[in-house]
Amino acid sequence: MIHPPGSTIGIIGGGQLGRMLAVAAARLGYRCHVYAPEEAPPAAEVAACFSRGDYSDEAALERFAGQVDVATYEFENIAAGPLSALARQTPLYPPRRALEIAQDRLDEKAFVSGHGGSPAPFAAVADLSDLEAALADLGAPAILKTRRFGYDGKGQVRIGGAGEAAAAWRAMSGAPCVLEKLVDFDAEFSILLCRSAAGEVVLWDSPRNLHAGGILRRSTVPAGPALRPAVAAAEALALRVASALDYVGVLALEFFAVGERAVFNEMAPRVHNSGHWTIEGALTSQFENHVRAICGLPLGAAARVAPGVEMRNLIGDEVEAWLEILAEPAARLHLYGKQGARPGRKMGHVTRLIGAAPA
């Protein structure tokens, strides 16, 4: 179904991803209606409408659905169940099945493995005895993660040896978990694609990513010749995953490169932090193509516009350097309108194009 310009796009979630989606949608002539529980979320500042409601409130989601032509989400830590009330009334993309799988790390690893992916060695953990047995089997160092609702380093703890098991389990407060063997990797990278309802797919160049404390700090494109074999394998896997899910919209898969192997880390069924470089660095950004896909429009070309692109997140009080960044001719600053630069909080990002544009 084609939703023409002038239609209203519902965005569930009010963070910076929703903000950038709304800006991209407005350029194409769409109105956006944001739904989020916060009083004044960043996305609401640039949207035509805002409804405040809890993500678990089915009645509120039904009312919201009646006011939009098509809906999407910018935040995957939303219970998929209540979204069924919305999806009964208006098209919802990406599909709920993708959200359900990505929300549970155990289901996610099993799904990707079933399509030829290779996650790090892992084991399900339901209690301390499970954790101790998993550590004996997988060895340490390892990382214990909650199965659900963890992002940007939250809901996880590193374990250096068996003697740390009890403390690690206490830190999880009894939540179902997955233990993952830590990967001795050469680099981190992600695959970013957009798929339409008709099966059209575009792939952006894969960025090489650097994390610190579980938070993405920098993405650079191209990822470099050493990563080409791993990137090629990861792209093939991402295409299989998108097809199996009958996916619509932007999909991101994160990987570790171990030699020429691509070790799967996690999946995000939405626009992604490592794709922010595409706003200035690609012919069509991830945000515009997501809007195009969910509205049934042709996808835009994803080619890079410069020899190199670097995107850096501004974390916490790093945002205070905004004036210096604006003084750089090659820097493009994006601020998210958040109040309170807490440690670990993404306040904005800066993109730099490296080298002259190709002829």
Protein backbone atom coordinates (compact mmCIF):
# COMPACT_ATOMS: atom_id res chain seq x y z
CA MET A 1 0.00 0.00 0.00
CA ILE A 2 1.27 3.48 -0.86
CA HIS A 3 0.79 6.22 1.75
CA PRO A 4 1.27 9.46 -0.21
CA PRO A 5 2.81 12.67 1.09
CA GLY A 6 0.34 14.37 3.39
CA SER A 7 -0.31 11.12 5.26
CA THR A 8 0.42 10.86 8.98
CA ILE A 9 3.19 8.55 10.22
CA GLY A 10 2.89 7.34 13.79
CA ILE A 11 6.20 6.99 15.62
CA ILE A 12 6.19 4.94 18.81
CA GLY A 13 9.01 6.22 20.98
CA GLY A 14 10.15 9.77 21.50
CA GLY A 15 13.95 9.64 21.47
CA GLN A 16 16.53 10.93 19.04
CA LEU A 17 15.82 8.23 16.46
CA GLY A 18 12.18 9.32 16.33
CA ARG A 19 13.32 12.92 16.11
CA MET A 20 15.50 12.23 13.06
CA LEU A 21 12.75 10.11 11.48
CA ALA A 22 10.30 12.98 11.87
CA VAL A 23 12.73 15.44 10.27
CA ALA A 24 13.28 13.10 7.30
CA ALA A 25 9.53 12.51 6.95
CA ALA A 26 8.77 16.23 6.95
CA ARG A 27 11.18 16.74 4.03
CA LEU A 28 9.05 14.31 2.03
CA GLY A 29 5.80 16.03 2.96
CA TYR A 30 4.60 13.72 5.76
CA ARG A 31 3.19 14.63 9.14
CA CYS A 32 4.43 12.69 12.17
CA HIS A 33 2.54 11.85 15.34
CA VAL A 34 4.77 10.74 18.22
CA TYR A 35 3.58 8.43 21.01
CA ALA A 36 5.75 8.15 24.15
CA PRO A 37 5.41 8.08 27.95
CA GLU A 38 7.66 11.08 28.63
CA GLU A 39 6.25 14.55 29.21
CA ALA A 40 8.40 16.30 26.59
CA PRO A 41 10.41 13.79 24.52
CA PRO A 42 12.95 15.07 21.94
CA ALA A 43 10.97 13.72 18.98
CA ALA A 44 7.85 15.67 19.96
CA GLU A 45 9.65 18.98 19.36
CA VAL A 46 9.82 18.33 15.61
CA ALA A 47 6.57 16.38 15.11
CA ALA A 48 3.13 17.67 14.10
CA CYS A 49 1.39 15.86 16.98
CA PHE A 50 2.30 14.21 20.27
CA SER A 51 0.32 11.78 22.42
CA ARG A 52 1.57 10.88 25.87
CA GLY A 53 0.86 7.31 26.93
CA ASP A 54 2.41 4.21 28.39
CA TYR A 55 3.76 1.60 26.00
CA SER A 56 1.62 -1.03 27.74
CA ASP A 57 -1.65 0.93 27.48
CA GLU A 58 -3.59 -0.91 24.76
CA ALA A 59 -6.53 1.50 24.84
CA ALA A 60 -4.24 4.49 24.34
CA LEU A 61 -2.41 2.70 21.53
CA GLU A 62 -5.74 1.97 19.85
CA ARG A 63 -6.66 5.66 20.01
CA PHE A 64 -3.25 6.55 18.60
CA ALA A 65 -3.71 4.05 15.75
CA GLY A 66 -6.93 5.76 14.77
CA GLN A 67 -5.06 9.02 14.20
CA VAL A 68 -2.27 7.76 11.91
CA ASP A 69 -2.09 6.14 8.48
CA VAL A 70 0.97 3.94 9.13
CA ALA A 71 3.06 3.33 12.23
CA THR A 72 6.64 2.48 13.10
CA TYR A 73 8.76 2.34 16.27
CA GLU A 74 12.14 3.84 17.09
CA PHE A 75 12.77 1.95 20.33
CA GLU A 76 12.70 -1.83 20.66
CA ASN A 77 12.29 -2.06 24.44
CA ILE A 78 8.53 -1.96 24.01
CA ALA A 79 6.43 -4.99 24.88
CA ALA A 80 5.32 -6.44 21.56
CA GLY A 81 2.00 -7.70 22.93
CA PRO A 82 0.28 -4.32 23.40
CA LEU A 83 1.32 -3.29 19.90
CA SER A 84 -1.10 -5.89 18.53
CA ALA A 85 -3.94 -3.52 19.48
CA LEU A 86 -2.38 -0.89 17.24
CA ALA A 87 -1.49 -3.30 14.43
CA ARG A 88 -5.13 -4.43 14.17
CA GLN A 89 -6.09 -0.92 13.07
CA THR A 90 -3.16 0.43 11.07
CA PRO A 91 -0.12 -1.01 9.26
CA LEU A 92 2.89 -1.40 11.59
CA TYR A 93 6.44 -1.68 10.28
CA PRO A 94 8.84 -3.32 10.88
CA PRO A 95 6.66 -6.41 11.56
CA ARG A 96 5.95 -7.35 15.17
CA ARG A 97 7.70 -10.70 14.68
CA ALA A 98 11.02 -8.91 14.13
CA LEU A 99 10.48 -6.95 17.33
CA GLU A 100 9.58 -10.07 19.31
CA ILE A 101 12.70 -11.90 18.15
CA ALA A 102 15.06 -8.97 18.73
CA GLN A 103 13.68 -8.40 22.24
CA ASP A 104 14.88 -11.77 23.53
CA ARG A 105 18.59 -12.43 23.17
CA LEU A 106 18.09 -16.19 23.33
CA ASP A 107 15.39 -16.19 20.62
CA GLU A 108 17.50 -13.80 18.55
CA LYS A 109 20.58 -16.04 18.63
CA ALA A 110 18.52 -19.12 17.82
CA PHE A 111 16.79 -17.37 14.91
CA VAL A 112 20.01 -16.05 13.40
CA SER A 113 21.73 -19.41 13.89
CA GLY A 114 18.87 -21.05 12.04
CA HIS A 115 19.63 -18.85 9.03
CA GLY A 116 23.33 -19.62 8.94
CA GLY A 117 24.64 -17.02 11.39
CA SER A 118 27.37 -17.70 13.97
CA PRO A 119 26.90 -16.03 17.35
CA ALA A 120 29.51 -16.33 20.08
CA PRO A 121 29.17 -19.51 22.20
CA PHE A 122 26.27 -18.96 24.60
CA ALA A 123 24.02 -20.65 27.16
CA ALA A 124 20.65 -19.84 28.72
CA VAL A 125 20.81 -18.97 32.40
CA ALA A 126 17.79 -19.15 34.71
CA ASP A 127 19.51 -19.32 38.11
CA LEU A 128 22.92 -19.36 39.80
CA SER A 129 23.44 -23.08 39.25
CA ASP A 130 22.82 -22.57 35.51
CA LEU A 131 25.37 -19.77 35.50
CA GLU A 132 27.98 -21.86 37.28
CA ALA A 133 27.42 -24.74 34.85
CA ALA A 134 27.59 -22.41 31.85
CA LEU A 135 30.85 -20.89 33.07
CA ALA A 136 32.31 -24.36 33.53
CA ASP A 137 31.30 -25.21 29.96
CA LEU A 138 32.08 -21.96 28.12
CA GLY A 139 34.88 -20.70 30.32
CA ALA A 140 35.77 -17.14 31.28
CA PRO A 141 35.98 -14.30 30.57
CA ALA A 142 32.33 -14.11 29.63
CA ILE A 143 29.49 -11.64 29.76
CA LEU A 144 26.13 -12.21 31.44
CA LYS A 145 23.24 -10.36 29.79
CA THR A 146 19.56 -10.16 30.59
CA ARG A 147 17.52 -11.84 27.88
CA ARG A 148 15.28 -8.80 27.54
CA PHE A 149 15.40 -5.01 27.83
CA GLY A 150 19.09 -4.19 27.74
CA TYR A 151 20.85 -1.67 25.51
CA ASP A 152 23.86 0.70 25.59
CA GLY A 153 25.67 -1.48 28.10
CA LYS A 154 22.68 -1.82 30.45
CA GLY A 155 21.54 -5.19 31.77
CA GLN A 156 24.92 -6.89 31.49
CA VAL A 157 27.97 -7.67 33.58
CA ARG A 158 31.38 -9.10 32.71
CA ILE A 159 32.62 -12.17 34.53
CA GLY A 160 36.36 -12.72 34.80
CA GLY A 161 36.23 -16.08 36.52
CA ALA A 162 34.03 -18.63 38.26
CA GLY A 163 34.47 -16.88 41.60
CA GLU A 164 32.50 -13.89 40.30
CA ALA A 165 29.39 -15.90 39.41
CA ALA A 166 27.38 -15.21 42.57
CA ALA A 167 27.95 -11.45 42.44
CA ALA A 168 27.10 -11.35 38.75
CA TRP A 169 23.86 -13.23 39.31
CA ARG A 170 22.86 -10.89 42.12
CA ALA A 171 23.41 -7.96 39.77
CA MET A 172 20.83 -9.42 37.40
CA SER A 173 18.17 -9.47 40.16
CA GLY A 174 16.89 -12.89 39.07
CA ALA A 175 16.09 -11.91 35.47
CA PRO A 176 16.40 -14.67 32.84
CA CYS A 177 19.81 -14.28 31.21
CA VAL A 178 22.19 -15.46 28.53
CA LEU A 179 25.87 -16.10 29.17
CA GLU A 180 28.10 -15.31 26.20
CA LYS A 181 31.73 -16.24 25.79
CA LEU A 182 33.71 -13.04 25.23
CA VAL A 183 34.99 -12.85 21.68
CA ASP A 184 38.61 -11.94 20.98
CA PHE A 185 37.75 -9.87 17.92
CA ASP A 186 39.72 -7.81 15.42
CA ALA A 187 37.01 -5.20 14.91
CA GLU A 188 33.31 -4.48 15.31
CA PHE A 189 31.08 -3.59 12.40
CA SER A 190 27.42 -3.43 11.47
CA ILE A 191 25.27 -4.18 8.45
CA LEU A 192 22.58 -1.63 7.61
CA LEU A 193 19.91 -2.39 5.05
CA CYS A 194 16.48 -1.19 4.11
CA ARG A 195 13.84 -3.47 2.62
CA SER A 196 10.51 -2.52 1.05
CA ALA A 197 7.28 -4.51 1.22
CA ALA A 198 7.90 -5.51 -2.41
CA GLY A 199 11.26 -7.03 -1.48
CA GLU A 200 13.46 -4.24 -2.84
CA VAL A 201 16.64 -3.97 -0.73
CA VAL A 202 19.40 -1.38 -0.45
CA LEU A 203 22.58 -1.84 1.59
CA TRP A 204 24.72 0.97 2.92
CA ASP A 205 28.48 0.63 3.26
CA SER A 206 29.28 -1.22 6.45
CA PRO A 207 30.69 1.02 9.20
CA ARG A 208 33.51 -0.04 11.49
CA ASN A 209 32.34 0.68 15.04
CA LEU A 210 34.12 1.45 18.29
CA HIS A 211 32.32 0.94 21.59
CA ALA A 212 33.30 1.98 25.11
CA GLY A 213 31.33 0.89 28.15
CA GLY A 214 28.77 -0.76 25.89
CA ILE A 215 28.01 2.56 24.13
CA LEU A 216 28.87 3.29 20.51
CA ARG A 217 31.50 6.02 20.37
CA ARG A 218 32.51 6.15 16.71
CA SER A 219 31.55 4.73 13.31
CA THR A 220 33.82 5.06 10.28
CA VAL A 221 33.14 4.26 6.64
CA PRO A 222 34.57 2.46 4.77
CA ALA A 223 35.37 -0.26 7.28
CA GLY A 224 38.66 -1.11 5.56
CA PRO A 225 39.92 -3.86 3.25
CA ALA A 226 40.78 -6.24 6.09
CA LEU A 227 37.09 -6.55 6.97
CA ARG A 228 35.80 -7.24 3.47
CA PRO A 229 35.47 -11.05 3.80
CA ALA A 230 33.64 -10.77 7.14
CA VAL A 231 31.43 -7.96 5.83
CA ALA A 232 30.50 -9.95 2.73
CA ALA A 233 29.44 -12.95 4.86
CA ALA A 234 27.50 -10.69 7.21
CA GLU A 235 25.68 -8.97 4.34
CA ALA A 236 24.56 -12.32 2.96
CA LEU A 237 23.24 -13.30 6.40
CA ALA A 238 21.44 -9.97 6.85
CA LEU A 239 19.66 -10.43 3.53
CA ARG A 240 18.50 -13.93 4.56
CA VAL A 241 17.26 -12.63 7.90
CA ALA A 242 15.36 -9.74 6.30
CA SER A 243 13.74 -12.04 3.77
CA ALA A 244 12.74 -14.60 6.43
CA LEU A 245 11.07 -11.88 8.48
CA ASP A 246 9.35 -10.33 5.42
CA TYR A 247 10.94 -7.20 6.79
CA VAL A 248 9.93 -3.64 5.94
CA GLY A 249 12.13 -0.72 6.97
CA VAL A 250 15.71 -0.33 8.17
CA LEU A 251 17.34 -3.32 9.83
CA ALA A 252 20.74 -3.32 11.58
CA LEU A 253 22.83 -6.35 12.55
CA GLU A 254 25.99 -5.95 14.62
CA PHE A 255 29.01 -8.25 14.26
CA PHE A 256 32.50 -8.98 15.50
CA ALA A 257 35.16 -9.62 12.86
CA VAL A 258 37.39 -12.52 13.82
CA GLY A 259 39.80 -12.93 10.95
CA GLU A 260 37.56 -13.47 7.93
CA ARG A 261 34.63 -14.67 10.07
CA ALA A 262 31.59 -12.60 11.02
CA VAL A 263 30.44 -13.43 14.56
CA PHE A 264 26.88 -12.23 15.14
CA ASN A 265 26.31 -9.99 18.16
CA GLU A 266 22.79 -8.55 18.02
CA MET A 267 20.00 -7.28 15.82
CA ALA A 268 18.09 -3.98 15.93
CA PRO A 269 14.75 -3.83 14.05
CA ARG A 270 14.89 -0.07 13.53
CA VAL A 271 17.09 2.78 12.39
CA HIS A 272 20.44 2.50 14.16
CA ASN A 273 23.08 4.67 15.80
CA SER A 274 25.81 3.29 13.51
CA GLY A 275 23.79 4.54 10.54
CA HIS A 276 23.75 8.20 11.54
CA TRP A 277 26.63 8.82 9.14
CA THR A 278 24.20 8.31 6.26
CA ILE A 279 22.47 11.67 6.85
CA GLU A 280 25.35 13.57 5.26
CA GLY A 281 27.43 10.66 4.00
CA ALA A 282 25.02 8.79 1.68
CA LEU A 283 22.75 9.75 -1.20
CA THR A 284 19.76 8.66 0.89
CA SER A 285 19.90 8.48 4.69
CA GLN A 286 18.68 5.55 6.75
CA PHE A 287 15.91 7.78 8.09
CA GLU A 288 14.59 8.80 4.67
CA ASN A 289 14.71 5.24 3.35
CA HIS A 290 12.87 3.97 6.42
CA VAL A 291 10.11 6.50 5.70
CA ARG A 292 10.09 5.50 2.04
CA ALA A 293 9.83 1.79 2.91
CA ILE A 294 6.99 2.02 5.42
CA CYS A 295 5.04 4.36 3.11
CA GLY A 296 5.42 2.09 0.07
CA LEU A 297 7.67 4.46 -1.90
CA PRO A 298 10.67 3.48 -4.06
CA LEU A 299 13.85 3.23 -2.02
CA GLY A 300 16.61 5.77 -2.55
CA ALA A 301 20.20 4.96 -3.53
CA ALA A 302 22.48 4.23 -0.57
CA ALA A 303 25.83 5.05 -2.19
CA ARG A 304 28.43 6.95 -0.17
CA VAL A 305 29.05 10.56 -1.28
CA ALA A 306 32.65 10.97 -0.04
CA PRO A 307 35.75 8.75 0.18
CA GLY A 308 35.36 8.53 3.93
CA VAL A 309 32.86 9.39 6.65
CA GLU A 310 33.24 9.50 10.42
CA MET A 311 30.42 9.77 12.95
CA ARG A 312 31.12 10.39 16.64
CA ASN A 313 28.54 10.32 19.39
CA LEU A 314 28.52 13.16 21.89
CA ILE A 315 28.13 11.47 25.27
CA GLY A 316 27.27 13.34 28.44
CA ASP A 317 29.06 16.65 28.82
CA GLU A 318 30.91 16.18 25.50
CA VAL A 319 27.95 18.07 24.07
CA GLU A 320 29.34 21.23 25.68
CA ALA A 321 31.86 21.38 22.80
CA TRP A 322 29.05 22.37 20.40
CA LEU A 323 30.54 25.80 19.66
CA GLU A 324 33.96 24.39 18.79
CA ILE A 325 32.36 21.76 16.58
CA LEU A 326 30.34 24.38 14.72
CA ALA A 327 33.58 26.23 14.01
CA GLU A 328 34.91 23.24 12.04
CA PRO A 329 34.12 23.66 8.32
CA ALA A 330 33.82 19.90 7.72
CA ALA A 331 31.78 19.06 10.82
CA ARG A 332 28.01 18.56 10.80
CA LEU A 333 26.48 18.81 14.26
CA HIS A 334 23.26 17.12 15.38
CA LEU A 335 21.90 17.92 18.83
CA TYR A 336 18.98 15.93 20.21
CA GLY A 337 17.33 18.56 22.41
CA LYS A 338 17.76 16.52 25.59
CA GLN A 339 17.83 18.24 28.95
CA GLY A 340 20.54 17.12 31.36
CA ALA A 341 23.87 15.81 30.08
CA ARG A 342 24.15 12.77 32.33
CA PRO A 343 27.19 10.45 32.05
CA GLY A 344 26.54 7.80 29.40
CA ARG A 345 23.64 9.72 27.83
CA LYS A 346 23.70 10.31 24.06
CA MET A 347 23.22 14.04 23.63
CA GLY A 348 24.05 14.37 19.95
CA HIS A 349 26.51 13.37 17.26
CA VAL A 350 28.89 14.96 14.80
CA THR A 351 29.61 13.74 11.27
CA ARG A 352 32.67 14.58 9.21
CA LEU A 353 33.10 13.85 5.50
CA ILE A 354 36.68 12.90 4.72
CA GLY A 355 38.17 13.78 1.34
CA ALA A 356 36.62 15.24 -1.77
CA ALA A 357 33.39 13.83 -3.18
CA PRO A 358 34.01 11.26 -5.93
CA ALA A 359 33.57 12.42 -9.53
